[in-house]
PDB file of all heavy atoms in Angstrom:
ATOM      1  N   VAL A   1       0.852  -1.209  -0.005  1.00  0.00           N
ATOM      2  CA  VAL A   1      -0.023   0.025   0.048  1.00  0.00           C
ATOM      3  C   VAL A   1       0.856   1.303   0.008  1.00  0.00           C
ATOM      4  O   VAL A   1       0.311   2.393  -0.010  1.00  0.00           O
ATOM      5  CB  VAL A   1      -0.946  -0.012   1.234  1.00  0.00           C
ATOM      6  CG1 VAL A   1      -1.949  -1.115   1.123  1.00  0.00           C
ATOM      7  CG2 VAL A   1      -0.230   0.046   2.501  1.00  0.00           C
ATOM      8  N   ASP A   2       2.125   1.150  -0.055  1.00  0.00           N
ATOM      9  CA  ASP A   2       3.091   2.247  -0.136  1.00  0.00           C
ATOM     10  C   ASP A   2       2.784   2.976  -1.481  1.00  0.00           C
ATOM     11  O   ASP A   2       2.667   2.309  -2.530  1.00  0.00           O
ATOM     12  CB  ASP A   2       4.479   1.729  -0.176  1.00  0.00           C
ATOM     13  CG  ASP A   2       5.453   2.929  -0.099  1.00  0.00           C
ATOM     14  OD1 ASP A   2       5.363   3.920  -0.875  1.00  0.00           O
ATOM     15  OD2 ASP A   2       6.452   2.921   0.684  1.00  0.00           O
ATOM     16  N   PRO A   3       2.535   4.292  -1.420  1.00  0.00           N
ATOM     17  CA  PRO A   3       2.205   5.045  -2.691  1.00  0.00           C
ATOM     18  C   PRO A   3       3.249   4.962  -3.763  1.00  0.00           C
ATOM     19  O   PRO A   3       3.030   5.332  -4.899  1.00  0.00           O
ATOM     20  CB  PRO A   3       1.923   6.419  -2.223  1.00  0.00           C
ATOM     21  CG  PRO A   3       2.609   6.529  -0.866  1.00  0.00           C
ATOM     22  CD  PRO A   3       2.635   5.192  -0.231  1.00  0.00           C
ATOM     23  N   ASN A   4       4.453   4.495  -3.327  1.00  0.00           N
ATOM     24  CA  ASN A   4       5.591   4.413  -4.374  1.00  0.00           C
ATOM     25  C   ASN A   4       5.840   2.990  -4.656  1.00  0.00           C
ATOM     26  O   ASN A   4       6.832   2.719  -5.467  1.00  0.00           O
ATOM     27  CB  ASN A   4       6.825   5.067  -3.804  1.00  0.00           C
ATOM     28  CG  ASN A   4       6.716   6.664  -3.623  1.00  0.00           C
ATOM     29  OD1 ASN A   4       6.187   7.242  -4.595  1.00  0.00           O
ATOM     30  ND2 ASN A   4       7.118   7.091  -2.541  1.00  0.00           N
ATOM     31  N   ALA A   5       5.059   2.017  -4.193  1.00  0.00           N
ATOM     32  CA  ALA A   5       5.333   0.592  -4.455  1.00  0.00           C
ATOM     33  C   ALA A   5       5.071   0.202  -5.885  1.00  0.00           C
ATOM     34  O   ALA A   5       4.108   0.660  -6.513  1.00  0.00           O
ATOM     35  CB  ALA A   5       4.383  -0.294  -3.563  1.00  0.00           C
ATOM     36  N   HIS A   6       6.120  -0.506  -6.487  1.00  0.00           N
ATOM     37  CA  HIS A   6       5.991  -0.933  -7.795  1.00  0.00           C
ATOM     38  C   HIS A   6       5.883  -2.535  -7.836  1.00  0.00           C
ATOM     39  O   HIS A   6       5.625  -3.102  -8.991  1.00  0.00           O
ATOM     40  CB  HIS A   6       7.233  -0.613  -8.728  1.00  0.00           C
ATOM     41  CG  HIS A   6       7.273   0.840  -8.994  1.00  0.00           C
ATOM     42  ND1 HIS A   6       7.073   1.851  -8.143  1.00  0.00           N
ATOM     43  CD2 HIS A   6       7.430   1.421 -10.270  1.00  0.00           C
ATOM     44  CE1 HIS A   6       7.205   3.025  -8.778  1.00  0.00           C
ATOM     45  NE2 HIS A   6       7.380   2.727 -10.070  1.00  0.00           N
ATOM     46  N   GLY A   7       6.048  -3.208  -6.732  1.00  0.00           N
ATOM     47  CA  GLY A   7       6.020  -4.631  -6.612  1.00  0.00           C
ATOM     48  C   GLY A   7       7.321  -5.200  -6.526  1.00  0.00           C
ATOM     49  O   GLY A   7       8.392  -4.734  -6.964  1.00  0.00           O
ATOM     50  N   SER A   8       7.470  -6.412  -5.869  1.00  0.00           N
ATOM     51  CA  SER A   8       8.576  -7.172  -5.759  1.00  0.00           C
ATOM     52  C   SER A   8       9.060  -7.711  -7.123  1.00  0.00           C
ATOM     53  O   SER A   8       8.273  -7.626  -8.058  1.00  0.00           O
ATOM     54  CB  SER A   8       8.521  -8.398  -4.751  1.00  0.00           C
ATOM     55  OG  SER A   8       7.616  -9.303  -5.286  1.00  0.00           O
ATOM     56  N   GLY A   9      10.231  -8.173  -7.236  1.00  0.00           N
ATOM     57  CA  GLY A   9      10.681  -8.921  -8.495  1.00  0.00           C
ATOM     58  C   GLY A   9       9.644 -10.045  -8.856  1.00  0.00           C
ATOM     59  O   GLY A   9       9.409 -10.261 -10.020  1.00  0.00           O
ATOM     60  N   PHE A  10       9.331 -10.825  -7.865  1.00  0.00           N
ATOM     61  CA  PHE A  10       8.400 -11.874  -7.959  1.00  0.00           C
ATOM     62  C   PHE A  10       7.078 -11.379  -8.467  1.00  0.00           C
ATOM     63  O   PHE A  10       6.563 -12.050  -9.540  1.00  0.00           O
ATOM     64  CB  PHE A  10       8.139 -12.611  -6.633  1.00  0.00           C
ATOM     65  CG  PHE A  10       7.317 -13.787  -6.712  1.00  0.00           C
ATOM     66  CD1 PHE A  10       7.737 -15.009  -6.965  1.00  0.00           C
ATOM     67  CD2 PHE A  10       5.930 -13.634  -6.380  1.00  0.00           C
ATOM     68  CE1 PHE A  10       6.929 -16.116  -7.054  1.00  0.00           C
ATOM     69  CE2 PHE A  10       5.024 -14.758  -6.369  1.00  0.00           C
ATOM     70  CZ  PHE A  10       5.601 -15.978  -6.710  1.00  0.00           C
ATOM     71  N   ASP A  11       6.560 -10.352  -7.988  1.00  0.00           N
ATOM     72  CA  ASP A  11       5.267  -9.770  -8.503  1.00  0.00           C
ATOM     73  C   ASP A  11       5.399  -9.225  -9.950  1.00  0.00           C
ATOM     74  O   ASP A  11       4.656  -9.459 -10.781  1.00  0.00           O
ATOM     75  CB  ASP A  11       4.905  -8.621  -7.642  1.00  0.00           C
ATOM     76  CG  ASP A  11       4.504  -9.101  -6.223  1.00  0.00           C
ATOM     77  OD1 ASP A  11       3.961 -10.109  -6.023  1.00  0.00           O
ATOM     78  OD2 ASP A  11       4.777  -8.275  -5.282  1.00  0.00           O
ATOM     79  N   ARG A  12       6.489  -8.529 -10.182  1.00  0.00           N
ATOM     80  CA  ARG A  12       6.666  -7.854 -11.495  1.00  0.00           C
ATOM     81  C   ARG A  12       6.875  -8.841 -12.554  1.00  0.00           C
ATOM     82  O   ARG A  12       6.405  -8.774 -13.735  1.00  0.00           O
ATOM     83  CB  ARG A  12       7.735  -6.830 -11.409  1.00  0.00           C
ATOM     84  CG  ARG A  12       7.601  -5.736 -10.428  1.00  0.00           C
ATOM     85  CD  ARG A  12       8.410  -4.502 -10.618  1.00  0.00           C
ATOM     86  NE  ARG A  12       7.997  -3.792 -11.859  1.00  0.00           N
ATOM     87  CZ  ARG A  12       8.457  -2.734 -12.278  1.00  0.00           C
ATOM     88  NH1 ARG A  12       9.426  -2.094 -11.590  1.00  0.00           N
ATOM     89  NH2 ARG A  12       8.051  -2.092 -13.470  1.00  0.00           N
ATOM     90  N   VAL A  13       7.810  -9.888 -12.383  1.00  0.00           N
ATOM     91  CA  VAL A  13       8.002 -10.833 -13.406  1.00  0.00           C
ATOM     92  C   VAL A  13       6.813 -11.659 -13.621  1.00  0.00           C
ATOM     93  O   VAL A  13       6.396 -11.968 -14.734  1.00  0.00           O
ATOM     94  CB  VAL A  13       9.250 -11.667 -13.008  1.00  0.00           C
ATOM     95  CG1 VAL A  13       9.349 -12.961 -13.854  1.00  0.00           C
ATOM     96  CG2 VAL A  13      10.532 -10.908 -12.960  1.00  0.00           C
ATOM     97  N   GLY A  14       6.011 -11.896 -12.479  1.00  0.00           N
ATOM     98  CA  GLY A  14       4.794 -12.620 -12.583  1.00  0.00           C
ATOM     99  C   GLY A  14       3.797 -11.916 -13.472  1.00  0.00           C
ATOM    100  O   GLY A  14       3.164 -12.512 -14.315  1.00  0.00           O
ATOM    101  N   ALA A  15       3.612 -10.663 -13.324  1.00  0.00           N
ATOM    102  CA  ALA A  15       2.683  -9.824 -14.123  1.00  0.00           C
ATOM    103  C   ALA A  15       3.156  -9.830 -15.582  1.00  0.00           C
ATOM    104  O   ALA A  15       2.355  -9.990 -16.517  1.00  0.00           O
ATOM    105  CB  ALA A  15       2.654  -8.429 -13.634  1.00  0.00           C
ATOM    106  N   PHE A  16       4.464  -9.675 -15.767  1.00  0.00           N
ATOM    107  CA  PHE A  16       5.018  -9.641 -17.238  1.00  0.00           C
ATOM    108  C   PHE A  16       4.661 -11.048 -17.885  1.00  0.00           C
ATOM    109  O   PHE A  16       4.182 -11.066 -19.003  1.00  0.00           O
ATOM    110  CB  PHE A  16       6.511  -9.413 -17.125  1.00  0.00           C
ATOM    111  CG  PHE A  16       7.111  -9.356 -18.534  1.00  0.00           C
ATOM    112  CD1 PHE A  16       7.135  -8.223 -19.327  1.00  0.00           C
ATOM    113  CD2 PHE A  16       7.638 -10.584 -19.070  1.00  0.00           C
ATOM    114  CE1 PHE A  16       7.764  -8.158 -20.624  1.00  0.00           C
ATOM    115  CE2 PHE A  16       8.323 -10.527 -20.312  1.00  0.00           C
ATOM    116  CZ  PHE A  16       8.252  -9.438 -21.069  1.00  0.00           C
ATOM    117  N   GLN A  17       4.935 -12.110 -17.093  1.00  0.00           N
ATOM    118  CA  GLN A  17       4.648 -13.510 -17.578  1.00  0.00           C
ATOM    119  C   GLN A  17       3.148 -13.680 -17.900  1.00  0.00           C
ATOM    120  O   GLN A  17       2.782 -14.359 -18.877  1.00  0.00           O
ATOM    121  CB  GLN A  17       5.173 -14.556 -16.715  1.00  0.00           C
ATOM    122  CG  GLN A  17       6.589 -14.684 -16.706  1.00  0.00           C
ATOM    123  CD  GLN A  17       7.044 -15.841 -15.925  1.00  0.00           C
ATOM    124  OE1 GLN A  17       6.699 -16.028 -14.690  1.00  0.00           O
ATOM    125  NE2 GLN A  17       7.971 -16.680 -16.449  1.00  0.00           N
ATOM    126  N   ASP A  18       2.264 -13.055 -17.032  1.00  0.00           N
ATOM    127  CA  ASP A  18       0.785 -13.134 -17.192  1.00  0.00           C
ATOM    128  C   ASP A  18       0.463 -12.612 -18.558  1.00  0.00           C
ATOM    129  O   ASP A  18      -0.351 -13.224 -19.329  1.00  0.00           O
ATOM    130  CB  ASP A  18       0.127 -12.496 -16.039  1.00  0.00           C
ATOM    131  CG  ASP A  18      -1.323 -12.706 -16.033  1.00  0.00           C
ATOM    132  OD1 ASP A  18      -1.824 -13.797 -16.752  1.00  0.00           O
ATOM    133  OD2 ASP A  18      -2.095 -12.018 -15.343  1.00  0.00           O
ATOM    134  N   GLY A  19       0.927 -11.371 -18.883  1.00  0.00           N
ATOM    135  CA  GLY A  19       0.623 -10.829 -20.152  1.00  0.00           C
ATOM    136  C   GLY A  19       1.216 -11.464 -21.312  1.00  0.00           C
ATOM    137  O   GLY A  19       0.624 -11.760 -22.395  1.00  0.00           O
ATOM    138  N   TYR A  20       2.456 -12.026 -21.163  1.00  0.00           N
ATOM    139  CA  TYR A  20       3.074 -12.769 -22.207  1.00  0.00           C
ATOM    140  C   TYR A  20       2.331 -14.025 -22.520  1.00  0.00           C
ATOM    141  O   TYR A  20       2.164 -14.508 -23.790  1.00  0.00           O
ATOM    142  CB  TYR A  20       4.563 -13.153 -21.729  1.00  0.00           C
ATOM    143  CG  TYR A  20       5.497 -13.686 -22.874  1.00  0.00           C
ATOM    144  CD1 TYR A  20       6.237 -12.971 -23.633  1.00  0.00           C
ATOM    145  CD2 TYR A  20       5.548 -15.063 -23.017  1.00  0.00           C
ATOM    146  CE1 TYR A  20       7.059 -13.379 -24.631  1.00  0.00           C
ATOM    147  CE2 TYR A  20       6.271 -15.636 -24.006  1.00  0.00           C
ATOM    148  CZ  TYR A  20       7.091 -14.755 -24.796  1.00  0.00           C
ATOM    149  OH  TYR A  20       7.895 -15.384 -25.736  1.00  0.00           O
ATOM    150  N   ASP A  21       1.899 -14.777 -21.449  1.00  0.00           N
ATOM    151  CA  ASP A  21       1.300 -16.045 -21.654  1.00  0.00           C
ATOM    152  C   ASP A  21      -0.200 -16.027 -21.951  1.00  0.00           C
ATOM    153  O   ASP A  21      -0.802 -16.755 -22.765  1.00  0.00           O
ATOM    154  CB  ASP A  21       1.518 -16.888 -20.365  1.00  0.00           C
ATOM    155  CG  ASP A  21       2.850 -17.331 -20.091  1.00  0.00           C
ATOM    156  OD1 ASP A  21       3.704 -17.464 -21.052  1.00  0.00           O
ATOM    157  OD2 ASP A  21       3.168 -17.655 -18.958  1.00  0.00           O
ATOM    158  N   ASN A  22      -0.876 -14.992 -21.355  1.00  0.00           N
ATOM    159  CA  ASN A  22      -2.325 -14.977 -21.363  1.00  0.00           C
ATOM    160  C   ASN A  22      -3.014 -13.830 -22.159  1.00  0.00           C
ATOM    161  O   ASN A  22      -4.221 -13.782 -22.333  1.00  0.00           O
ATOM    162  CB  ASN A  22      -2.881 -14.965 -19.937  1.00  0.00           C
ATOM    163  CG  ASN A  22      -2.409 -16.245 -19.191  1.00  0.00           C
ATOM    164  OD1 ASN A  22      -2.431 -17.326 -19.696  1.00  0.00           O
ATOM    165  ND2 ASN A  22      -1.897 -16.021 -18.014  1.00  0.00           N
ATOM    166  N   GLY A  23      -2.140 -12.851 -22.629  1.00  0.00           N
ATOM    167  CA  GLY A  23      -2.704 -11.814 -23.383  1.00  0.00           C
ATOM    168  C   GLY A  23      -3.201 -10.641 -22.653  1.00  0.00           C
ATOM    169  O   GLY A  23      -3.338 -10.687 -21.469  1.00  0.00           O
ATOM    170  N   LEU A  24      -3.578  -9.625 -23.446  1.00  0.00           N
ATOM    171  CA  LEU A  24      -4.043  -8.371 -22.856  1.00  0.00           C
ATOM    172  C   LEU A  24      -5.245  -8.417 -22.111  1.00  0.00           C
ATOM    173  O   LEU A  24      -5.524  -7.615 -21.129  1.00  0.00           O
ATOM    174  CB  LEU A  24      -4.141  -7.266 -23.965  1.00  0.00           C
ATOM    175  CG  LEU A  24      -2.923  -7.080 -24.791  1.00  0.00           C
ATOM    176  CD1 LEU A  24      -3.180  -6.123 -25.985  1.00  0.00           C
ATOM    177  CD2 LEU A  24      -1.674  -6.490 -23.932  1.00  0.00           C
ATOM    178  N   ALA A  25      -6.160  -9.284 -22.426  1.00  0.00           N
ATOM    179  CA  ALA A  25      -7.420  -9.361 -21.702  1.00  0.00           C
ATOM    180  C   ALA A  25      -7.098  -9.742 -20.236  1.00  0.00           C
ATOM    181  O   ALA A  25      -7.929  -9.253 -19.358  1.00  0.00           O
ATOM    182  CB  ALA A  25      -8.345 -10.378 -22.355  1.00  0.00           C
ATOM    183  N   ALA A  26      -6.099 -10.627 -20.026  1.00  0.00           N
ATOM    184  CA  ALA A  26      -5.831 -10.942 -18.582  1.00  0.00           C
ATOM    185  C   ALA A  26      -5.316  -9.689 -17.813  1.00  0.00           C
ATOM    186  O   ALA A  26      -5.728  -9.371 -16.659  1.00  0.00           O
ATOM    187  CB  ALA A  26      -4.705 -11.993 -18.585  1.00  0.00           C
ATOM    188  N   CYS A  27      -4.631  -8.790 -18.498  1.00  0.00           N
ATOM    189  CA  CYS A  27      -4.074  -7.571 -17.881  1.00  0.00           C
ATOM    190  C   CYS A  27      -5.220  -6.577 -17.605  1.00  0.00           C
ATOM    191  O   CYS A  27      -5.273  -5.930 -16.544  1.00  0.00           O
ATOM    192  CB  CYS A  27      -3.120  -6.965 -18.845  1.00  0.00           C
ATOM    193  SG  CYS A  27      -1.880  -7.950 -19.474  1.00  0.00           S
ATOM    194  N   LYS A  28      -6.177  -6.524 -18.478  1.00  0.00           N
ATOM    195  CA  LYS A  28      -7.252  -5.650 -18.297  1.00  0.00           C
ATOM    196  C   LYS A  28      -8.103  -5.871 -17.011  1.00  0.00           C
ATOM    197  O   LYS A  28      -8.615  -4.921 -16.376  1.00  0.00           O
ATOM    198  CB  LYS A  28      -8.296  -5.739 -19.577  1.00  0.00           C
ATOM    199  CG  LYS A  28      -9.513  -4.756 -19.397  1.00  0.00           C
ATOM    200  CD  LYS A  28     -10.424  -4.994 -20.581  1.00  0.00           C
ATOM    201  CE  LYS A  28     -11.690  -4.143 -20.387  1.00  0.00           C
ATOM    202  NZ  LYS A  28     -12.684  -4.350 -21.445  1.00  0.00           N
ATOM    203  N   GLY A  29      -8.106  -7.154 -16.663  1.00  0.00           N
ATOM    204  CA  GLY A  29      -8.819  -7.536 -15.392  1.00  0.00           C
ATOM    205  C   GLY A  29      -8.188  -7.290 -14.069  1.00  0.00           C
ATOM    206  O   GLY A  29      -8.712  -7.582 -13.079  1.00  0.00           O
ATOM    207  N   TYR A  30      -6.933  -6.670 -14.141  1.00  0.00           N
ATOM    208  CA  TYR A  30      -6.280  -6.393 -12.854  1.00  0.00           C
ATOM    209  C   TYR A  30      -7.097  -5.481 -11.980  1.00  0.00           C
ATOM    210  O   TYR A  30      -7.570  -4.453 -12.394  1.00  0.00           O
ATOM    211  CB  TYR A  30      -4.926  -5.884 -13.062  1.00  0.00           C
ATOM    212  CG  TYR A  30      -3.862  -6.933 -13.393  1.00  0.00           C
ATOM    213  CD1 TYR A  30      -4.173  -7.995 -14.038  1.00  0.00           C
ATOM    214  CD2 TYR A  30      -2.466  -6.692 -13.057  1.00  0.00           C
ATOM    215  CE1 TYR A  30      -3.255  -9.007 -14.374  1.00  0.00           C
ATOM    216  CE2 TYR A  30      -1.582  -7.615 -13.402  1.00  0.00           C
ATOM    217  CZ  TYR A  30      -1.885  -8.807 -14.019  1.00  0.00           C
ATOM    218  OH  TYR A  30      -0.938  -9.729 -14.246  1.00  0.00           O
ATOM    219  N   ARG A  31      -7.142  -5.836 -10.608  1.00  0.00           N
ATOM    220  CA  ARG A  31      -7.726  -4.984  -9.610  1.00  0.00           C
ATOM    221  C   ARG A  31      -6.916  -5.154  -8.364  1.00  0.00           C
ATOM    222  O   ARG A  31      -5.986  -5.993  -8.340  1.00  0.00           O
ATOM    223  CB  ARG A  31      -9.178  -5.498  -9.290  1.00  0.00           C
ATOM    224  CG  ARG A  31     -10.126  -5.454 -10.523  1.00  0.00           C
ATOM    225  CD  ARG A  31     -10.438  -4.071 -10.904  1.00  0.00           C
ATOM    226  NE  ARG A  31     -11.470  -3.964 -12.026  1.00  0.00           N
ATOM    227  CZ  ARG A  31     -11.110  -3.962 -13.303  1.00  0.00           C
ATOM    228  NH1 ARG A  31      -9.835  -4.076 -13.729  1.00  0.00           N
ATOM    229  NH2 ARG A  31     -12.078  -3.868 -14.217  1.00  0.00           N
ATOM    230  N   ASP A  32      -7.077  -4.264  -7.412  1.00  0.00           N
ATOM    231  CA  ASP A  32      -6.306  -4.346  -6.175  1.00  0.00           C
ATOM    232  C   ASP A  32      -6.424  -5.644  -5.527  1.00  0.00           C
ATOM    233  O   ASP A  32      -7.469  -6.205  -5.414  1.00  0.00           O
ATOM    234  CB  ASP A  32      -6.762  -3.280  -5.172  1.00  0.00           C
ATOM    235  CG  ASP A  32      -6.384  -1.823  -5.650  1.00  0.00           C
ATOM    236  OD1 ASP A  32      -5.407  -1.728  -6.387  1.00  0.00           O
ATOM    237  OD2 ASP A  32      -6.995  -0.929  -5.081  1.00  0.00           O
ATOM    238  N   ASP A  33      -5.228  -6.288  -5.242  1.00  0.00           N
ATOM    239  CA  ASP A  33      -5.188  -7.700  -4.703  1.00  0.00           C
ATOM    240  C   ASP A  33      -5.598  -8.714  -5.711  1.00  0.00           C
ATOM    241  O   ASP A  33      -5.756  -9.890  -5.221  1.00  0.00           O
ATOM    242  CB  ASP A  33      -5.947  -7.763  -3.332  1.00  0.00           C
ATOM    243  CG  ASP A  33      -5.393  -6.759  -2.364  1.00  0.00           C
ATOM    244  OD1 ASP A  33      -4.197  -6.621  -2.199  1.00  0.00           O
ATOM    245  OD2 ASP A  33      -6.296  -6.163  -1.619  1.00  0.00           O
ATOM    246  N   ASP A  34      -5.809  -8.454  -6.897  1.00  0.00           N
ATOM    247  CA  ASP A  34      -5.956  -9.483  -7.839  1.00  0.00           C
ATOM    248  C   ASP A  34      -5.304  -9.096  -9.167  1.00  0.00           C
ATOM    249  O   ASP A  34      -5.863  -8.218  -9.922  1.00  0.00           O
ATOM    250  CB  ASP A  34      -7.546  -9.622  -8.172  1.00  0.00           C
ATOM    251  CG  ASP A  34      -7.850 -10.666  -9.182  1.00  0.00           C
ATOM    252  OD1 ASP A  34      -6.943 -11.544  -9.376  1.00  0.00           O
ATOM    253  OD2 ASP A  34      -8.993 -10.754  -9.635  1.00  0.00           O
ATOM    254  N   PRO A  35      -4.082  -9.593  -9.421  1.00  0.00           N
ATOM    255  CA  PRO A  35      -3.513 -10.692  -8.706  1.00  0.00           C
ATOM    256  C   PRO A  35      -2.892 -10.339  -7.390  1.00  0.00           C
ATOM    257  O   PRO A  35      -2.768  -9.181  -6.975  1.00  0.00           O
ATOM    258  CB  PRO A  35      -2.279 -11.115  -9.681  1.00  0.00           C
ATOM    259  CG  PRO A  35      -2.027  -9.736 -10.337  1.00  0.00           C
ATOM    260  CD  PRO A  35      -3.243  -9.037 -10.535  1.00  0.00           C
ATOM    261  N   MET A  36      -2.718 -11.361  -6.596  1.00  0.00           N
ATOM    262  CA  MET A  36      -2.185 -11.250  -5.212  1.00  0.00           C
ATOM    263  C   MET A  36      -0.757 -10.598  -5.301  1.00  0.00           C
ATOM    264  O   MET A  36       0.053 -10.900  -6.184  1.00  0.00           O
ATOM    265  CB  MET A  36      -2.105 -12.646  -4.600  1.00  0.00           C
ATOM    266  CG  MET A  36      -1.343 -12.707  -3.283  1.00  0.00           C
ATOM    267  SD  MET A  36      -1.371 -14.474  -2.614  1.00  0.00           S
ATOM    268  CE  MET A  36      -0.582 -15.348  -3.919  1.00  0.00           C
TER     269      MET A  36
END
């Protein structure tokens, strides 16, 4: 919840892989705490 938080490496690489594997529609669905 830090206003400057960008995510851990685990989070950031996971999000990148999500888009790479599952496409833009998966990214569009992002909401707070989803993905974890």
